[in-house]
Amino acid sequence: MKKKKKWISATIALIAVVAIIGIWFGFSANNAIGKTTTNTITDTNIVNEGGSGKVTIIEYSDFQCSFCAKALPVLNQIKETYEDKVEIIYKH
């Protein structure tokens, strides 16, 4: 009989903890909805062609990443095609 009461108490406590965690995550998720983050472009970023473009592409890149290297010809083609209409910023 005592084991059954302990088991029921432990189950109720576990349900209460799960409910509290669920409520906490629910409020956290609701607070995050509608918020945006911004990335500041600083002097330490590499800006291609002076920053006069109407469209800005920010590439987050790694010099040792082979997939980042594969993106370079595409970005060069975009810059060649659209010249002064696009600005490419490299962040690493």
C-alpha atoms as a PDB file:
ATOM      1  CA  MET A   1       0.000   0.000   0.000  1.00  0.00           C
ATOM      2  CA  LYS A   2       2.830   2.426   0.856  1.00  0.00           C
ATOM      3  CA  LYS A   3       4.596   1.643  -2.418  1.00  0.00           C
ATOM      4  CA  LYS A   4       1.437   2.464  -4.344  1.00  0.00           C
ATOM      5  CA  LYS A   5       1.072   5.831  -2.565  1.00  0.00           C
ATOM      6  CA  LYS A   6       4.725   6.679  -3.260  1.00  0.00           C
ATOM      7  CA  TRP A   7       4.285   5.728  -6.899  1.00  0.00           C
ATOM      8  CA  ILE A   8       1.163   7.898  -7.208  1.00  0.00           C
ATOM      9  CA  SER A   9       2.919  10.812  -5.477  1.00  0.00           C
ATOM     10  CA  ALA A  10       5.930  10.483  -7.768  1.00  0.00           C
ATOM     11  CA  THR A  11       3.673  10.363 -10.829  1.00  0.00           C
ATOM     12  CA  ILE A  12       1.775  13.481  -9.740  1.00  0.00           C
ATOM     13  CA  ALA A  13       5.050  15.302  -9.056  1.00  0.00           C
ATOM     14  CA  LEU A  14       6.396  14.321 -12.479  1.00  0.00           C
ATOM     15  CA  ILE A  15       3.216  15.507 -14.199  1.00  0.00           C
ATOM     16  CA  ALA A  16       3.420  18.809 -12.306  1.00  0.00           C
ATOM     17  CA  VAL A  17       7.048  19.335 -13.345  1.00  0.00           C
ATOM     18  CA  VAL A  18       6.276  18.521 -16.986  1.00  0.00           C
ATOM     19  CA  ALA A  19       3.294  20.905 -16.913  1.00  0.00           C
ATOM     20  CA  ILE A  20       5.390  23.727 -15.443  1.00  0.00           C
ATOM     21  CA  ILE A  21       8.115  23.213 -18.041  1.00  0.00           C
ATOM     22  CA  GLY A  22       5.510  23.117 -20.819  1.00  0.00           C
ATOM     23  CA  ILE A  23       3.916  26.349 -19.627  1.00  0.00           C
ATOM     24  CA  TRP A  24       7.320  28.014 -19.346  1.00  0.00           C
ATOM     25  CA  PHE A  25       8.286  26.995 -22.900  1.00  0.00           C
ATOM     26  CA  GLY A  26       4.877  28.097 -24.150  1.00  0.00           C
ATOM     27  CA  PHE A  27       5.343  31.582 -22.769  1.00  0.00           C
ATOM     28  CA  SER A  28       8.900  31.714 -24.086  1.00  0.00           C
ATOM     29  CA  ALA A  29       7.747  30.769 -27.589  1.00  0.00           C
ATOM     30  CA  ASN A  30       4.959  33.369 -27.538  1.00  0.00           C
ATOM     31  CA  ASN A  31       7.399  36.082 -26.528  1.00  0.00           C
ATOM     32  CA  ALA A  32       9.692  35.208 -29.440  1.00  0.00           C
ATOM     33  CA  ILE A  33       6.950  35.493 -32.069  1.00  0.00           C
ATOM     34  CA  GLY A  34       7.153  38.723 -34.013  1.00  0.00           C
ATOM     35  CA  LYS A  35      10.615  39.651 -32.804  1.00  0.00           C
ATOM     36  CA  THR A  36      13.283  40.151 -35.411  1.00  0.00           C
ATOM     37  CA  THR A  37      17.011  40.191 -35.165  1.00  0.00           C
ATOM     38  CA  THR A  38      19.282  42.458 -37.096  1.00  0.00           C
ATOM     39  CA  ASN A  39      22.852  41.981 -38.139  1.00  0.00           C
ATOM     40  CA  THR A  40      24.920  45.097 -37.980  1.00  0.00           C
ATOM     41  CA  ILE A  41      27.344  45.682 -40.806  1.00  0.00           C
ATOM     42  CA  THR A  42      30.572  46.957 -39.313  1.00  0.00           C
ATOM     43  CA  ASP A  43      33.924  48.172 -40.569  1.00  0.00           C
ATOM     44  CA  THR A  44      35.354  44.692 -40.041  1.00  0.00           C
ATOM     45  CA  ASN A  45      33.143  43.228 -42.794  1.00  0.00           C
ATOM     46  CA  ILE A  46      34.511  42.870 -46.296  1.00  0.00           C
ATOM     47  CA  VAL A  47      32.315  44.978 -48.559  1.00  0.00           C
ATOM     48  CA  ASN A  48      32.543  44.417 -52.298  1.00  0.00           C
ATOM     49  CA  GLU A  49      32.539  47.580 -54.427  1.00  0.00           C
ATOM     50  CA  GLY A  50      31.963  50.284 -51.852  1.00  0.00           C
ATOM     51  CA  GLY A  51      28.408  49.597 -50.748  1.00  0.00           C
ATOM     52  CA  SER A  52      26.390  51.593 -53.259  1.00  0.00           C
ATOM     53  CA  GLY A  53      24.094  48.768 -54.365  1.00  0.00           C
ATOM     54  CA  LYS A  54      20.327  48.732 -54.057  1.00  0.00           C
ATOM     55  CA  VAL A  55      20.316  45.025 -53.146  1.00  0.00           C
ATOM     56  CA  THR A  56      22.638  43.768 -50.443  1.00  0.00           C
ATOM     57  CA  ILE A  57      23.706  40.131 -50.271  1.00  0.00           C
ATOM     58  CA  ILE A  58      25.351  39.145 -47.013  1.00  0.00           C
ATOM     59  CA  GLU A  59      27.334  35.941 -47.338  1.00  0.00           C
ATOM     60  CA  TYR A  60      28.334  34.168 -44.150  1.00  0.00           C
ATOM     61  CA  SER A  61      31.401  32.303 -45.266  1.00  0.00           C
ATOM     62  CA  ASP A  62      34.358  30.323 -44.035  1.00  0.00           C
ATOM     63  CA  PHE A  63      37.621  30.410 -45.954  1.00  0.00           C
ATOM     64  CA  GLN A  64      38.190  26.698 -45.285  1.00  0.00           C
ATOM     65  CA  CYS A  65      34.688  25.563 -46.302  1.00  0.00           C
ATOM     66  CA  SER A  66      34.542  23.818 -49.678  1.00  0.00           C
ATOM     67  CA  PHE A  67      30.836  24.625 -50.094  1.00  0.00           C
ATOM     68  CA  CYS A  68      31.508  28.317 -49.454  1.00  0.00           C
ATOM     69  CA  ALA A  69      34.167  28.178 -52.169  1.00  0.00           C
ATOM     70  CA  LYS A  70      31.587  26.745 -54.578  1.00  0.00           C
ATOM     71  CA  ALA A  71      29.348  29.767 -53.951  1.00  0.00           C
ATOM     72  CA  LEU A  72      32.029  32.255 -55.008  1.00  0.00           C
ATOM     73  CA  PRO A  73      31.567  31.839 -58.806  1.00  0.00           C
ATOM     74  CA  VAL A  74      27.823  32.358 -58.391  1.00  0.00           C
ATOM     75  CA  LEU A  75      28.354  35.536 -56.386  1.00  0.00           C
ATOM     76  CA  ASN A  76      30.893  36.767 -58.934  1.00  0.00           C
ATOM     77  CA  GLN A  77      28.373  36.142 -61.730  1.00  0.00           C
ATOM     78  CA  ILE A  78      25.690  38.056 -59.822  1.00  0.00           C
ATOM     79  CA  LYS A  79      28.080  40.964 -59.310  1.00  0.00           C
ATOM     80  CA  GLU A  80      29.105  40.912 -62.983  1.00  0.00           C
ATOM     81  CA  THR A  81      25.506  40.764 -64.213  1.00  0.00           C
ATOM     82  CA  TYR A  82      24.002  43.397 -61.932  1.00  0.00           C
ATOM     83  CA  GLU A  83      27.111  45.568 -61.356  1.00  0.00           C
ATOM     84  CA  ASP A  84      26.001  48.694 -59.458  1.00  0.00           C
ATOM     85  CA  LYS A  85      22.606  47.268 -58.476  1.00  0.00           C
ATOM     86  CA  VAL A  86      24.007  44.778 -55.981  1.00  0.00           C
ATOM     87  CA  GLU A  87      26.364  44.934 -53.036  1.00  0.00           C
ATOM     88  CA  ILE A  88      27.985  41.788 -51.651  1.00  0.00           C
ATOM     89  CA  ILE A  89      29.177  41.702 -48.054  1.00  0.00           C
ATOM     90  CA  TYR A  90      31.288  38.819 -46.798  1.00  0.00           C
ATOM     91  CA  LYS A  91      31.111  37.872 -43.133  1.00  0.00           C
ATOM     92  CA  HIS A  92      33.306  35.208 -41.660  1.00  0.00           C
END
